[in-house]
């Protein structure tokens, strides 16, 4: 995996909770976080295939293909995991939302390749969801338990 810039300082998100926004992400447009850590639990909010944030420019999809978007989406989830002190090895649940059932086979091939080096895969659930912004094909969220 590629190296990422240092995370933004963590921000309090409520009693015992820390909001996580890695430097590759823009600040959320509403009152939510890219991730929240409480104790040894880290919830990564749904991530999509936007390229790393560039100041003053709107979010840009990684490309029109499922492969480009899946790889960028997984990289974005990884950024939040790392900013919260976790890795994919700590992930116990990954939820995937695809916009088209025709993408299942290709998605599974990309996903299997991405996670080939893990000691044990996280539990996963894939569903079809049509509520993503136009042009986006996949969304992924994750739950990690550290330690």
Protein backbone atom coordinates (compact mmCIF):
# COMPACT_ATOMS: atom_id res chain seq x y z
CA UNK A 1 0.00 0.00 0.00
CA UNK A 2 1.20 3.55 -0.61
CA UNK A 3 2.41 5.84 2.15
CA UNK A 4 -0.01 8.50 3.29
CA UNK A 5 0.64 11.94 4.75
CA UNK A 6 0.47 12.39 8.52
CA UNK A 7 -3.12 12.43 9.85
CA UNK A 8 -4.83 15.65 10.91
CA UNK A 9 -4.93 16.03 14.69
CA UNK A 10 -7.82 14.03 16.06
CA UNK A 11 -10.79 16.04 17.23
CA UNK A 12 -13.06 15.26 20.19
CA UNK A 13 -16.38 13.91 18.92
CA UNK A 14 -18.22 13.59 22.21
CA UNK A 15 -17.69 11.77 25.51
CA UNK A 16 -14.75 9.45 24.94
CA UNK A 17 -15.04 9.66 21.15
CA UNK A 18 -12.52 11.02 18.67
CA UNK A 19 -13.48 12.17 15.17
CA UNK A 20 -11.10 11.03 12.45
CA UNK A 21 -10.38 13.00 9.26
CA UNK A 22 -7.20 11.95 7.43
CA UNK A 23 -5.29 14.60 5.45
CA UNK A 24 -6.37 12.95 2.19
CA UNK A 25 -10.00 13.83 2.93
CA UNK A 26 -11.93 17.09 2.97
CA UNK A 27 -13.81 18.14 6.07
CA UNK A 28 -17.32 16.66 5.92
CA UNK A 29 -19.99 19.08 4.64
CA UNK A 30 -22.32 18.30 7.55
CA UNK A 31 -22.09 17.22 11.18
CA UNK A 32 -20.47 13.81 10.70
CA UNK A 33 -16.98 12.33 10.57
CA UNK A 34 -15.05 10.11 8.17
CA UNK A 35 -14.42 7.91 11.18
CA UNK A 36 -14.97 7.82 14.92
CA UNK A 37 -12.86 6.01 17.48
CA UNK A 38 -14.08 5.21 20.98
CA UNK A 39 -11.73 3.11 23.06
CA UNK A 40 -10.58 0.24 20.87
CA UNK A 41 -13.50 0.52 18.41
CA UNK A 42 -13.11 2.44 15.14
CA UNK A 43 -16.05 2.95 12.80
CA UNK A 44 -15.13 4.13 9.31
CA UNK A 45 -18.01 5.95 7.65
CA UNK A 46 -18.93 5.09 4.08
CA UNK A 47 -16.13 6.05 1.71
CA UNK A 48 -16.33 6.44 -2.06
CA UNK A 49 -13.76 6.56 -4.84
CA UNK A 50 -12.81 10.22 -4.66
CA UNK A 51 -9.16 11.06 -5.28
CA UNK A 52 -7.27 12.68 -2.37
CA UNK A 53 -8.58 16.16 -1.60
CA UNK A 54 -7.06 19.20 -3.28
CA UNK A 55 -7.70 22.54 -1.58
CA UNK A 56 -10.22 24.62 -3.51
CA UNK A 57 -11.27 21.83 -5.88
CA UNK A 58 -14.44 19.75 -5.65
CA UNK A 59 -14.13 16.01 -4.98
CA UNK A 60 -13.11 14.10 -8.11
CA UNK A 61 -13.88 10.41 -8.77
CA UNK A 62 -10.82 8.20 -9.39
CA UNK A 63 -12.20 7.33 -12.81
CA UNK A 64 -15.24 5.96 -14.55
CA UNK A 65 -14.31 2.28 -14.13
CA UNK A 66 -15.32 0.05 -11.27
CA UNK A 67 -11.67 -1.02 -10.77
CA UNK A 68 -10.40 2.56 -10.39
CA UNK A 69 -13.19 3.45 -7.98
CA UNK A 70 -12.92 0.28 -5.88
CA UNK A 71 -9.15 0.64 -5.44
CA UNK A 72 -9.49 4.33 -4.51
CA UNK A 73 -12.41 3.60 -2.18
CA UNK A 74 -10.41 0.92 -0.36
CA UNK A 75 -7.44 3.33 -0.16
CA UNK A 76 -9.77 5.94 1.36
CA UNK A 77 -11.04 3.47 3.96
CA UNK A 78 -7.43 2.55 4.70
CA UNK A 79 -6.59 6.24 5.23
CA UNK A 80 -9.28 6.52 7.89
CA UNK A 81 -8.22 3.24 9.51
CA UNK A 82 -4.60 4.41 9.71
CA UNK A 83 -5.54 7.88 10.98
CA UNK A 84 -7.48 6.10 13.75
CA UNK A 85 -4.55 3.84 14.64
CA UNK A 86 -5.83 0.70 12.87
CA UNK A 87 -4.99 -1.48 9.88
CA UNK A 88 -7.03 -3.80 7.70
CA UNK A 89 -5.96 -6.61 10.05
CA UNK A 90 -8.09 -4.89 12.74
CA UNK A 91 -11.19 -4.77 10.50
CA UNK A 92 -13.89 -7.16 11.67
CA UNK A 93 -16.62 -6.00 9.29
CA UNK A 94 -16.59 -4.47 5.83
CA UNK A 95 -19.82 -3.41 4.17
CA UNK A 96 -19.91 -2.78 0.44
CA UNK A 97 -22.59 -0.97 -1.51
CA UNK A 98 -22.63 -1.38 -5.29
CA UNK A 99 -24.88 0.54 -7.67
CA UNK A 100 -25.30 -2.37 -10.09
CA UNK A 101 -25.64 -6.14 -9.60
CA UNK A 102 -23.63 -6.61 -12.79
CA UNK A 103 -20.56 -5.43 -10.84
CA UNK A 104 -20.54 -8.27 -8.28
CA UNK A 105 -18.09 -10.58 -10.09
CA UNK A 106 -15.61 -7.84 -11.00
CA UNK A 107 -15.84 -6.33 -7.52
CA UNK A 108 -15.17 -9.71 -5.87
CA UNK A 109 -12.06 -10.22 -8.04
CA UNK A 110 -10.67 -6.77 -7.12
CA UNK A 111 -11.58 -7.22 -3.43
CA UNK A 112 -9.97 -10.67 -3.24
CA UNK A 113 -6.76 -9.32 -4.77
CA UNK A 114 -6.66 -6.32 -2.44
CA UNK A 115 -7.05 -8.46 0.69
CA UNK A 116 -4.93 -11.43 -0.44
CA UNK A 117 -2.21 -10.64 2.13
CA UNK A 118 -4.44 -10.47 5.22
CA UNK A 119 -4.05 -13.17 7.84
CA UNK A 120 -7.83 -13.56 7.90
CA UNK A 121 -10.47 -11.71 5.93
CA UNK A 122 -13.02 -9.54 7.75
CA UNK A 123 -16.68 -10.45 7.62
CA UNK A 124 -18.22 -8.75 4.60
CA UNK A 125 -21.62 -7.93 3.26
CA UNK A 126 -22.38 -6.59 -0.19
CA UNK A 127 -25.64 -5.02 -1.21
CA UNK A 128 -26.94 -3.05 -4.16
CA UNK A 129 -27.64 0.57 -3.40
CA UNK A 130 -28.73 3.23 -5.87
CA UNK A 131 -28.40 6.32 -3.68
CA UNK A 132 -24.79 7.28 -4.54
CA UNK A 133 -24.04 10.56 -6.32
CA UNK A 134 -23.99 10.33 -10.14
CA UNK A 135 -20.88 8.63 -11.52
CA UNK A 136 -19.99 6.81 -8.29
CA UNK A 137 -20.22 3.01 -8.43
CA UNK A 138 -19.21 1.81 -4.96
CA UNK A 139 -19.19 2.78 -1.29
CA UNK A 140 -17.40 0.90 1.51
CA UNK A 141 -17.52 1.28 5.28
CA UNK A 142 -15.67 -0.71 7.93
CA UNK A 143 -15.65 -1.54 11.62
CA UNK A 144 -12.31 -2.20 13.32
CA UNK A 145 -11.43 -3.42 16.79
CA UNK A 146 -7.92 -2.54 17.92
CA UNK A 147 -5.84 -4.62 20.28
